Amino acid sequence: MSGEFTNERFPKSALYAAGALIGVSILTVGSIRAGFLPAPETAPQSRERLQVATVATRDFRFEDRADGALLVYDIAANRLVFVFPAGSNTGFIRGVMRGLMRERRLHEVARTGPVTVTQWADGALTLTDQLTGRIIELGSFGHTNRAAFAQLLVPYAPGGPGVPQQPIVAAIPAANSASPFFGGA
C-alpha cells in the first residue's frame, strides 16, 4: 500500500494557479493602496452618498463600577441612564469599549470621552468614537451583539420617552432565558 503513490506528482498547474491567484491579489491590493484603482466604498461613504437619515443618535460615556457593574451616562443630559449589574451579559459592550480605550491610549487622547451610537434609517447601527474617528458597524457582529448596543437607543427612538428619569437597570437573565438583554425584553 505504501508504494501506490510513489510515482505520483503534484499537478504543476495547481501550483501555477495558486501562485497566479496570490500574485493577482497582491497586485490588486497594491494598486488600491497606491491609488491606481478606486477603493471599495465603505458603509459610511455609502450612507452619505445615499443620504440615509438617522433614526436615533446619542452620545454615551461608559464606566466600570468597583462591584463589576457597567454604567452608561448620557452626555447631553449629564445623567446616568443605564446600569448593567455584574452578570448581566455585557461582555460584547465591554469588549468593544476595551478595544476603543486601547485605541485611544495609542492615539494619546482622553479615555473618558464620549462615543456615539447611531441607528440609521437603512437598519444599520454604528458606534463612532469622536476622539479617534473610528466607526464600528455593529451589525457585523451578529444580531445578538448588535442588540447589546441597540437597547441603549430605545428610550431615544421616535415616540420613545426620551432621557430616563431614573437609570434603567438591566435584569440578570435566568440561565434558560432566550434573550441576554433586559431579562428577555
N, C-alpha and C. Protein backbone atom coordinates (compact mmCIF):
# COMPACT_ATOMS: atom_id res chain seq x y z
N MET A 1 0.81 -1.18 0.00
CA MET A 1 0.00 0.00 0.00
C MET A 1 0.86 1.26 0.00
N SER A 2 2.02 1.22 0.63
CA SER A 2 2.86 2.42 0.70
C SER A 2 3.47 2.77 -0.64
N GLY A 3 3.53 1.87 -1.59
CA GLY A 3 4.14 2.13 -2.87
C GLY A 3 3.18 2.63 -3.93
N GLU A 4 1.88 2.76 -3.61
CA GLU A 4 0.89 3.16 -4.60
C GLU A 4 1.13 4.54 -5.19
N PHE A 5 1.58 5.48 -4.37
CA PHE A 5 1.68 6.87 -4.82
C PHE A 5 3.12 7.32 -5.04
N THR A 6 4.05 6.42 -5.15
CA THR A 6 5.45 6.81 -5.28
C THR A 6 5.75 7.51 -6.59
N ASN A 7 5.05 7.19 -7.64
CA ASN A 7 5.32 7.81 -8.94
C ASN A 7 4.36 8.96 -9.25
N GLU A 8 3.47 9.29 -8.31
CA GLU A 8 2.52 10.39 -8.50
C GLU A 8 3.19 11.72 -8.19
N ARG A 9 2.91 12.73 -8.98
CA ARG A 9 3.44 14.07 -8.76
C ARG A 9 2.27 15.03 -8.55
N PHE A 10 2.52 16.02 -7.73
CA PHE A 10 1.51 17.05 -7.53
C PHE A 10 1.37 17.82 -8.83
N PRO A 11 0.16 18.09 -9.28
CA PRO A 11 -0.01 18.77 -10.57
C PRO A 11 0.56 20.19 -10.55
N LYS A 12 1.45 20.44 -11.51
CA LYS A 12 2.08 21.76 -11.59
C LYS A 12 1.06 22.85 -11.89
N SER A 13 0.02 22.51 -12.62
CA SER A 13 -1.00 23.52 -12.97
C SER A 13 -1.68 24.08 -11.71
N ALA A 14 -1.87 23.23 -10.69
CA ALA A 14 -2.48 23.70 -9.44
C ALA A 14 -1.54 24.69 -8.74
N LEU A 15 -0.24 24.41 -8.76
CA LEU A 15 0.73 25.32 -8.16
C LEU A 15 0.78 26.65 -8.91
N TYR A 16 0.73 26.58 -10.24
CA TYR A 16 0.74 27.81 -11.05
C TYR A 16 -0.53 28.63 -10.79
N ALA A 17 -1.66 27.95 -10.69
CA ALA A 17 -2.92 28.65 -10.43
C ALA A 17 -2.90 29.32 -9.05
N ALA A 18 -2.39 28.62 -8.05
CA ALA A 18 -2.31 29.21 -6.70
C ALA A 18 -1.36 30.41 -6.70
N GLY A 19 -0.23 30.29 -7.38
CA GLY A 19 0.71 31.41 -7.47
C GLY A 19 0.11 32.59 -8.19
N ALA A 20 -0.64 32.32 -9.28
CA ALA A 20 -1.29 33.41 -10.02
C ALA A 20 -2.33 34.11 -9.16
N LEU A 21 -3.10 33.34 -8.39
CA LEU A 21 -4.11 33.92 -7.50
C LEU A 21 -3.46 34.83 -6.45
N ILE A 22 -2.39 34.37 -5.86
CA ILE A 22 -1.67 35.18 -4.88
C ILE A 22 -1.10 36.43 -5.53
N GLY A 23 -0.53 36.29 -6.71
CA GLY A 23 0.04 37.44 -7.42
C GLY A 23 -1.01 38.48 -7.77
N VAL A 24 -2.17 38.03 -8.28
CA VAL A 24 -3.25 38.96 -8.62
C VAL A 24 -3.75 39.66 -7.36
N SER A 25 -3.87 38.95 -6.27
CA SER A 25 -4.33 39.54 -5.01
C SER A 25 -3.37 40.63 -4.54
N ILE A 26 -2.09 40.35 -4.57
CA ILE A 26 -1.08 41.34 -4.15
C ILE A 26 -1.10 42.55 -5.06
N LEU A 27 -1.21 42.33 -6.36
CA LEU A 27 -1.26 43.45 -7.32
C LEU A 27 -2.51 44.30 -7.11
N THR A 28 -3.65 43.67 -6.87
CA THR A 28 -4.89 44.41 -6.67
C THR A 28 -4.81 45.27 -5.41
N VAL A 29 -4.39 44.68 -4.31
CA VAL A 29 -4.29 45.43 -3.06
C VAL A 29 -3.25 46.55 -3.21
N GLY A 30 -2.13 46.25 -3.80
CA GLY A 30 -1.10 47.28 -4.01
C GLY A 30 -1.60 48.41 -4.89
N SER A 31 -2.37 48.09 -5.92
CA SER A 31 -2.91 49.12 -6.81
C SER A 31 -3.93 50.01 -6.10
N ILE A 32 -4.73 49.42 -5.22
CA ILE A 32 -5.70 50.21 -4.46
C ILE A 32 -4.96 51.11 -3.47
N ARG A 33 -3.98 50.55 -2.78
CA ARG A 33 -3.20 51.34 -1.81
C ARG A 33 -2.44 52.47 -2.48
N ALA A 34 -1.93 52.25 -3.68
CA ALA A 34 -1.16 53.27 -4.40
C ALA A 34 -2.06 54.27 -5.11
N GLY A 35 -3.36 53.99 -5.17
CA GLY A 35 -4.30 54.92 -5.79
C GLY A 35 -4.52 54.68 -7.27
N PHE A 36 -4.01 53.60 -7.82
CA PHE A 36 -4.22 53.30 -9.23
C PHE A 36 -5.63 52.77 -9.49
N LEU A 37 -6.20 52.08 -8.51
CA LEU A 37 -7.57 51.58 -8.59
C LEU A 37 -8.38 52.23 -7.47
N PRO A 38 -9.68 52.47 -7.69
CA PRO A 38 -10.50 53.06 -6.62
C PRO A 38 -10.75 52.04 -5.51
N ALA A 39 -10.75 52.54 -4.28
CA ALA A 39 -11.03 51.67 -3.14
C ALA A 39 -12.53 51.39 -3.09
N PRO A 40 -12.91 50.22 -2.61
CA PRO A 40 -14.34 49.94 -2.47
C PRO A 40 -15.00 50.94 -1.52
N GLU A 41 -16.24 51.25 -1.77
CA GLU A 41 -16.97 52.20 -0.94
C GLU A 41 -17.25 51.58 0.43
N THR A 42 -17.01 52.34 1.50
CA THR A 42 -17.29 51.86 2.85
C THR A 42 -18.76 52.12 3.17
N ALA A 43 -19.25 51.49 4.22
CA ALA A 43 -20.64 51.68 4.62
C ALA A 43 -20.94 53.15 4.95
N PRO A 44 -20.08 53.86 5.71
CA PRO A 44 -20.36 55.28 5.96
C PRO A 44 -20.38 56.11 4.68
N GLN A 45 -19.49 55.81 3.74
CA GLN A 45 -19.49 56.53 2.47
C GLN A 45 -20.77 56.25 1.69
N SER A 46 -21.23 55.02 1.72
CA SER A 46 -22.46 54.64 1.03
C SER A 46 -23.66 55.36 1.64
N ARG A 47 -23.74 55.40 2.98
CA ARG A 47 -24.85 56.10 3.63
C ARG A 47 -24.83 57.59 3.30
N GLU A 48 -23.63 58.18 3.24
CA GLU A 48 -23.52 59.60 2.90
C GLU A 48 -23.97 59.83 1.45
N ARG A 49 -23.52 58.98 0.55
CA ARG A 49 -23.89 59.13 -0.86
C ARG A 49 -25.40 58.98 -1.05
N LEU A 50 -26.00 58.02 -0.35
CA LEU A 50 -27.43 57.77 -0.46
C LEU A 50 -28.27 58.68 0.44
N GLN A 51 -27.59 59.50 1.24
CA GLN A 51 -28.24 60.43 2.17
C GLN A 51 -29.21 59.70 3.11
N VAL A 52 -28.73 58.64 3.73
CA VAL A 52 -29.53 57.87 4.67
C VAL A 52 -29.68 58.68 5.96
N ALA A 53 -30.91 58.82 6.41
CA ALA A 53 -31.19 59.62 7.61
C ALA A 53 -30.92 58.81 8.88
N THR A 54 -30.68 59.54 9.96
CA THR A 54 -30.55 58.89 11.26
C THR A 54 -31.92 58.77 11.90
N VAL A 55 -32.16 57.65 12.56
CA VAL A 55 -33.40 57.42 13.28
C VAL A 55 -33.24 57.91 14.71
N ALA A 56 -32.12 57.55 15.32
CA ALA A 56 -31.81 57.97 16.69
C ALA A 56 -30.30 57.99 16.84
N THR A 57 -29.80 58.94 17.60
CA THR A 57 -28.36 59.02 17.87
C THR A 57 -28.18 59.61 19.25
N ARG A 58 -27.16 59.13 19.93
CA ARG A 58 -26.90 59.62 21.29
C ARG A 58 -25.44 59.42 21.62
N ASP A 59 -24.90 60.36 22.40
CA ASP A 59 -23.53 60.26 22.91
C ASP A 59 -23.56 59.68 24.31
N PHE A 60 -22.75 58.64 24.53
CA PHE A 60 -22.69 57.98 25.83
C PHE A 60 -21.25 57.92 26.32
N ARG A 61 -21.13 57.81 27.64
CA ARG A 61 -19.84 57.56 28.28
C ARG A 61 -20.03 56.31 29.13
N PHE A 62 -19.08 55.40 29.06
CA PHE A 62 -19.16 54.12 29.76
C PHE A 62 -18.13 54.09 30.89
N GLU A 63 -18.55 53.54 32.03
CA GLU A 63 -17.64 53.39 33.18
C GLU A 63 -17.86 52.04 33.83
N ASP A 64 -16.79 51.48 34.36
CA ASP A 64 -16.89 50.26 35.17
C ASP A 64 -16.97 50.69 36.63
N ARG A 65 -17.89 50.08 37.36
CA ARG A 65 -18.00 50.33 38.79
C ARG A 65 -17.25 49.24 39.54
N ALA A 66 -16.80 49.51 40.73
CA ALA A 66 -15.98 48.58 41.51
C ALA A 66 -16.66 47.23 41.71
N ASP A 67 -18.00 47.20 41.79
CA ASP A 67 -18.70 45.92 42.01
C ASP A 67 -18.90 45.13 40.71
N GLY A 68 -18.35 45.61 39.60
CA GLY A 68 -18.44 44.91 38.33
C GLY A 68 -19.55 45.40 37.42
N ALA A 69 -20.35 46.34 37.89
CA ALA A 69 -21.43 46.87 37.06
C ALA A 69 -20.86 47.79 35.98
N LEU A 70 -21.57 47.86 34.87
CA LEU A 70 -21.23 48.77 33.78
C LEU A 70 -22.22 49.93 33.82
N LEU A 71 -21.71 51.15 33.91
CA LEU A 71 -22.55 52.34 33.97
C LEU A 71 -22.50 53.07 32.64
N VAL A 72 -23.66 53.54 32.18
CA VAL A 72 -23.76 54.24 30.91
C VAL A 72 -24.37 55.61 31.18
N TYR A 73 -23.61 56.66 30.83
CA TYR A 73 -24.05 58.03 31.05
C TYR A 73 -24.45 58.67 29.73
N ASP A 74 -25.57 59.41 29.74
CA ASP A 74 -25.99 60.21 28.60
C ASP A 74 -25.24 61.54 28.71
N ILE A 75 -24.43 61.85 27.71
CA ILE A 75 -23.59 63.05 27.75
C ILE A 75 -24.44 64.32 27.71
N ALA A 76 -25.42 64.40 26.81
CA ALA A 76 -26.23 65.62 26.66
C ALA A 76 -27.03 65.91 27.92
N ALA A 77 -27.57 64.88 28.54
CA ALA A 77 -28.37 65.06 29.75
C ALA A 77 -27.52 65.10 31.00
N ASN A 78 -26.23 64.72 30.86
CA ASN A 78 -25.33 64.64 32.01
C ASN A 78 -25.95 63.80 33.13
N ARG A 79 -26.40 62.60 32.72
CA ARG A 79 -27.12 61.76 33.67
C ARG A 79 -26.81 60.29 33.43
N LEU A 80 -26.75 59.52 34.52
CA LEU A 80 -26.63 58.07 34.45
C LEU A 80 -27.96 57.53 33.92
N VAL A 81 -27.92 56.78 32.80
CA VAL A 81 -29.17 56.31 32.20
C VAL A 81 -29.32 54.79 32.20
N PHE A 82 -28.22 54.05 32.24
CA PHE A 82 -28.29 52.60 32.27
C PHE A 82 -27.29 52.05 33.28
N VAL A 83 -27.70 50.99 33.97
CA VAL A 83 -26.82 50.26 34.86
C VAL A 83 -26.94 48.78 34.49
N PHE A 84 -25.82 48.20 34.14
CA PHE A 84 -25.77 46.77 33.83
C PHE A 84 -25.02 46.09 34.96
N PRO A 85 -25.73 45.44 35.90
CA PRO A 85 -25.05 44.78 37.01
C PRO A 85 -24.11 43.68 36.53
N ALA A 86 -23.17 43.33 37.38
CA ALA A 86 -22.28 42.21 37.06
C ALA A 86 -23.14 40.98 36.77
N GLY A 87 -22.83 40.26 35.71
CA GLY A 87 -23.59 39.07 35.34
C GLY A 87 -24.74 39.34 34.40
N SER A 88 -24.86 40.58 33.90
CA SER A 88 -25.99 40.90 33.02
C SER A 88 -25.63 40.80 31.54
N ASN A 89 -24.65 40.00 31.21
CA ASN A 89 -24.26 39.73 29.81
C ASN A 89 -23.89 40.98 29.03
N THR A 90 -22.95 41.74 29.55
CA THR A 90 -22.48 42.93 28.85
C THR A 90 -21.09 42.69 28.25
N GLY A 91 -20.75 41.46 28.03
CA GLY A 91 -19.42 41.13 27.53
C GLY A 91 -19.09 41.79 26.20
N PHE A 92 -20.06 41.85 25.29
CA PHE A 92 -19.78 42.47 24.00
C PHE A 92 -19.53 43.96 24.15
N ILE A 93 -20.38 44.63 24.93
CA ILE A 93 -20.18 46.08 25.15
C ILE A 93 -18.83 46.32 25.79
N ARG A 94 -18.51 45.55 26.81
CA ARG A 94 -17.22 45.71 27.49
C ARG A 94 -16.05 45.45 26.54
N GLY A 95 -16.16 44.43 25.71
CA GLY A 95 -15.09 44.12 24.77
C GLY A 95 -14.88 45.23 23.76
N VAL A 96 -15.96 45.76 23.22
CA VAL A 96 -15.85 46.86 22.26
C VAL A 96 -15.25 48.09 22.93
N MET A 97 -15.69 48.38 24.14
CA MET A 97 -15.17 49.56 24.84
C MET A 97 -13.70 49.38 25.20
N ARG A 98 -13.28 48.16 25.56
CA ARG A 98 -11.86 47.92 25.83
C ARG A 98 -11.03 48.19 24.59
N GLY A 99 -11.53 47.73 23.46
CA GLY A 99 -10.83 47.97 22.19
C GLY A 99 -10.71 49.45 21.88
N LEU A 100 -11.80 50.20 22.12
CA LEU A 100 -11.76 51.65 21.89
C LEU A 100 -10.80 52.34 22.85
N MET A 101 -10.78 51.91 24.10
CA MET A 101 -9.88 52.53 25.08
C MET A 101 -8.42 52.24 24.73
N ARG A 102 -8.14 51.04 24.23
CA ARG A 102 -6.79 50.70 23.80
C ARG A 102 -6.39 51.59 22.62
N GLU A 103 -7.31 51.81 21.70
CA GLU A 103 -7.02 52.67 20.55
C GLU A 103 -6.83 54.12 21.00
N ARG A 104 -7.62 54.57 21.96
CA ARG A 104 -7.44 55.94 22.48
C ARG A 104 -6.09 56.09 23.14
N ARG A 105 -5.68 55.07 23.86
CA ARG A 105 -4.36 55.13 24.51
C ARG A 105 -3.26 55.23 23.46
N LEU A 106 -3.40 54.48 22.36
CA LEU A 106 -2.41 54.54 21.28
C LEU A 106 -2.40 55.91 20.60
N HIS A 107 -3.56 56.54 20.50
CA HIS A 107 -3.66 57.87 19.89
C HIS A 107 -3.37 58.99 20.89
N GLU A 108 -3.16 58.59 22.15
CA GLU A 108 -2.87 59.53 23.24
C GLU A 108 -3.96 60.60 23.37
N VAL A 109 -5.22 60.15 23.42
CA VAL A 109 -6.36 61.03 23.64
C VAL A 109 -7.06 60.61 24.93
N ALA A 110 -7.96 61.47 25.41
CA ALA A 110 -8.66 61.21 26.68
C ALA A 110 -9.44 59.90 26.61
N ARG A 111 -9.33 59.12 27.65
CA ARG A 111 -10.03 57.84 27.69
C ARG A 111 -11.47 57.99 28.17
N THR A 112 -11.85 59.17 28.66
CA THR A 112 -13.19 59.36 29.20
C THR A 112 -14.14 60.03 28.23
N GLY A 113 -13.73 60.24 27.00
CA GLY A 113 -14.58 60.91 26.02
C GLY A 113 -15.78 60.07 25.61
N PRO A 114 -16.76 60.71 24.99
CA PRO A 114 -17.98 60.01 24.59
C PRO A 114 -17.82 59.18 23.33
N VAL A 115 -18.74 58.25 23.18
CA VAL A 115 -18.90 57.51 21.93
C VAL A 115 -20.35 57.72 21.48
N THR A 116 -20.54 57.74 20.18
CA THR A 116 -21.87 57.99 19.63
C THR A 116 -22.45 56.70 19.08
N VAL A 117 -23.65 56.37 19.53
CA VAL A 117 -24.39 55.23 19.00
C VAL A 117 -25.46 55.80 18.09
N THR A 118 -25.50 55.32 16.83
CA THR A 118 -26.45 55.84 15.84
C THR A 118 -27.21 54.72 15.18
N GLN A 119 -28.53 54.86 15.16
CA GLN A 119 -29.41 53.96 14.40
C GLN A 119 -29.76 54.68 13.11
N TRP A 120 -29.51 54.02 11.97
CA TRP A 120 -29.75 54.61 10.66
C TRP A 120 -31.05 54.10 10.07
N ALA A 121 -31.64 54.87 9.16
CA ALA A 121 -32.91 54.51 8.52
C ALA A 121 -32.79 53.23 7.70
N ASP A 122 -31.60 52.89 7.25
CA ASP A 122 -31.41 51.65 6.48
C ASP A 122 -31.24 50.42 7.37
N GLY A 123 -31.38 50.60 8.68
CA GLY A 123 -31.27 49.49 9.63
C GLY A 123 -29.90 49.31 10.23
N ALA A 124 -28.91 50.02 9.74
CA ALA A 124 -27.55 49.90 10.28
C ALA A 124 -27.47 50.55 11.66
N LEU A 125 -26.56 50.05 12.47
CA LEU A 125 -26.28 50.61 13.79
C LEU A 125 -24.78 50.80 13.88
N THR A 126 -24.35 52.02 14.20
CA THR A 126 -22.91 52.28 14.26
C THR A 126 -22.53 52.84 15.62
N LEU A 127 -21.28 52.61 15.96
CA LEU A 127 -20.66 53.19 17.14
C LEU A 127 -19.49 54.02 16.63
N THR A 128 -19.48 55.31 16.96
CA THR A 128 -18.44 56.22 16.47
C THR A 128 -17.68 56.79 17.65
N ASP A 129 -16.37 56.66 17.62
CA ASP A 129 -15.51 57.28 18.62
C ASP A 129 -15.04 58.61 18.03
N GLN A 130 -15.58 59.70 18.54
CA GLN A 130 -15.28 61.02 18.00
C GLN A 130 -13.81 61.40 18.22
N LEU A 131 -13.18 60.84 19.24
CA LEU A 131 -11.80 61.22 19.54
C LEU A 131 -10.78 60.59 18.60
N THR A 132 -11.08 59.39 18.11
CA THR A 132 -10.14 58.72 17.21
C THR A 132 -10.66 58.65 15.77
N GLY A 133 -11.95 58.91 15.57
CA GLY A 133 -12.53 58.82 14.24
C GLY A 133 -12.94 57.41 13.86
N ARG A 134 -12.81 56.48 14.75
CA ARG A 134 -13.13 55.07 14.48
C ARG A 134 -14.64 54.88 14.40
N ILE A 135 -15.11 54.20 13.35
CA ILE A 135 -16.52 53.87 13.19
C ILE A 135 -16.64 52.35 13.17
N ILE A 136 -17.51 51.81 14.02
CA ILE A 136 -17.71 50.37 14.09
C ILE A 136 -19.14 50.07 13.63
N GLU A 137 -19.26 49.25 12.60
CA GLU A 137 -20.55 48.80 12.11
C GLU A 137 -20.99 47.63 13.00
N LEU A 138 -21.93 47.88 13.91
CA LEU A 138 -22.29 46.88 14.91
C LEU A 138 -23.05 45.69 14.35
N GLY A 139 -23.70 45.86 13.20
CA GLY A 139 -24.40 44.75 12.57
C GLY A 139 -23.46 43.65 12.11
N SER A 140 -22.19 43.96 11.97
CA SER A 140 -21.20 42.98 11.52
C SER A 140 -20.95 41.89 12.55
N PHE A 141 -21.38 42.10 13.78
CA PHE A 141 -21.09 41.16 14.85
C PHE A 141 -22.27 40.24 15.17
N GLY A 142 -23.32 40.30 14.35
CA GLY A 142 -24.48 39.44 14.58
C GLY A 142 -25.58 40.18 15.32
N HIS A 143 -26.80 39.67 15.21
CA HIS A 143 -27.95 40.38 15.77
C HIS A 143 -27.95 40.44 17.29
N THR A 144 -27.43 39.43 17.95
CA THR A 144 -27.41 39.45 19.42
C THR A 144 -26.45 40.51 19.94
N ASN A 145 -25.26 40.59 19.36
CA ASN A 145 -24.30 41.61 19.79
C ASN A 145 -24.77 43.00 19.39
N ARG A 146 -25.40 43.12 18.23
CA ARG A 146 -25.95 44.40 17.80
C ARG A 146 -27.01 44.87 18.80
N ALA A 147 -27.82 43.93 19.29
CA ALA A 147 -28.89 44.26 20.25
C ALA A 147 -28.33 44.84 21.54
N ALA A 148 -27.11 44.46 21.91
CA ALA A 148 -26.50 44.98 23.13
C ALA A 148 -26.41 46.50 23.08
N PHE A 149 -26.02 47.04 21.93
CA PHE A 149 -25.93 48.49 21.78
C PHE A 149 -27.26 49.11 21.36
N ALA A 150 -28.07 48.39 20.59
CA ALA A 150 -29.36 48.92 20.14
C ALA A 150 -30.26 49.25 21.32
N GLN A 151 -30.18 48.47 22.38
CA GLN A 151 -31.04 48.72 23.54
C GLN A 151 -30.77 50.08 24.18
N LEU A 152 -29.57 50.62 23.98
CA LEU A 152 -29.25 51.92 24.54
C LEU A 152 -30.05 53.04 23.89
N LEU A 153 -30.49 52.84 22.66
CA LEU A 153 -31.22 53.88 21.93
C LEU A 153 -32.74 53.76 22.06
N VAL A 154 -33.24 52.71 22.68
CA VAL A 154 -34.69 52.50 22.77
C VAL A 154 -35.41 53.72 23.37
N PRO A 155 -34.95 54.29 24.48
CA PRO A 155 -35.68 55.46 25.02
C PRO A 155 -35.62 56.69 24.10
N TYR A 156 -34.63 56.77 23.23
CA TYR A 156 -34.42 57.95 22.39
C TYR A 156 -35.03 57.82 21.01
N ALA A 157 -35.57 56.65 20.68
CA ALA A 157 -36.17 56.43 19.37
C ALA A 157 -37.41 57.32 19.23
N PRO A 158 -37.80 57.63 17.99
CA PRO A 158 -39.01 58.44 17.80
C PRO A 158 -40.20 57.81 18.53
N GLY A 159 -40.89 58.63 19.30
CA GLY A 159 -42.01 58.14 20.10
C GLY A 159 -41.60 57.56 21.44
N GLY A 160 -40.30 57.47 21.68
CA GLY A 160 -39.81 56.95 22.96
C GLY A 160 -39.91 58.01 24.05
N PRO A 161 -39.72 57.60 25.30
CA PRO A 161 -39.86 58.54 26.41
C PRO A 161 -38.74 59.56 26.54
N GLY A 162 -37.64 59.37 25.85
CA GLY A 162 -36.51 60.30 25.98
C GLY A 162 -35.58 59.88 27.10
N VAL A 163 -34.89 60.85 27.67
CA VAL A 163 -33.91 60.58 28.71
C VAL A 163 -34.63 59.98 29.93
N PRO A 164 -34.24 58.80 30.36
CA PRO A 164 -34.87 58.20 31.54
C PRO A 164 -34.66 59.06 32.79
N GLN A 165 -35.72 59.21 33.58
CA GLN A 165 -35.61 59.98 34.82
C GLN A 165 -34.76 59.23 35.85
N GLN A 166 -34.89 57.92 35.89
CA GLN A 166 -34.10 57.06 36.76
C GLN A 166 -33.31 56.11 35.86
N PRO A 167 -32.11 55.71 36.29
CA PRO A 167 -31.34 54.77 35.46
C PRO A 167 -32.12 53.48 35.23
N ILE A 168 -32.05 52.98 34.02
CA ILE A 168 -32.65 51.69 33.68
C ILE A 168 -31.65 50.63 34.11
N VAL A 169 -32.08 49.73 34.98
CA VAL A 169 -31.21 48.68 35.49
C VAL A 169 -31.54 47.39 34.76
N ALA A 170 -30.56 46.84 34.10
CA ALA A 170 -30.74 45.60 33.36
C ALA A 170 -30.94 44.44 34.31
N ALA A 171 -31.82 43.54 33.92
CA ALA A 171 -32.06 42.34 34.70
C ALA A 171 -30.94 41.34 34.41
N ILE A 172 -30.62 40.57 35.40
CA ILE A 172 -29.66 39.48 35.19
C ILE A 172 -30.48 38.31 34.65
N PRO A 173 -30.19 37.87 33.42
CA PRO A 173 -31.03 36.84 32.79
C PRO A 173 -30.94 35.50 33.52
N ALA A 174 -32.05 34.79 33.49
CA ALA A 174 -32.08 33.44 34.03
C ALA A 174 -31.24 32.55 33.12
N ALA A 175 -30.81 31.44 33.63
CA ALA A 175 -29.95 30.53 32.87
C ALA A 175 -30.62 30.06 31.59
N ASN A 176 -31.96 29.99 31.56
CA ASN A 176 -32.66 29.50 30.38
C ASN A 176 -33.30 30.61 29.56
N SER A 177 -32.93 31.86 29.81
CA SER A 177 -33.50 32.99 29.10
C SER A 177 -33.06 32.99 27.64
N ALA A 178 -34.00 33.29 26.75
CA ALA A 178 -33.68 33.31 25.32
C ALA A 178 -32.93 34.57 24.93
N SER A 179 -33.16 35.67 25.63
CA SER A 179 -32.50 36.94 25.30
C SER A 179 -31.59 37.36 26.44
N PRO A 180 -30.35 37.69 26.14
CA PRO A 180 -29.43 38.06 27.21
C PRO A 180 -29.60 39.48 27.72
N PHE A 181 -30.48 40.27 27.08
CA PHE A 181 -30.59 41.68 27.44
C PHE A 181 -31.92 41.97 28.10
N PHE A 182 -31.89 42.70 29.16
CA PHE A 182 -33.07 43.10 29.91
C PHE A 182 -33.97 41.93 30.25
N GLY A 183 -33.36 40.80 30.55
CA GLY A 183 -34.10 39.64 31.02
C GLY A 183 -35.14 39.14 30.03
N GLY A 184 -34.89 39.24 28.74
CA GLY A 184 -35.80 38.70 27.75
C GLY A 184 -36.56 39.76 26.99
N ALA A 185 -36.36 41.02 27.33
CA ALA A 185 -37.09 42.09 26.64
C ALA A 185 -36.50 42.36 25.29
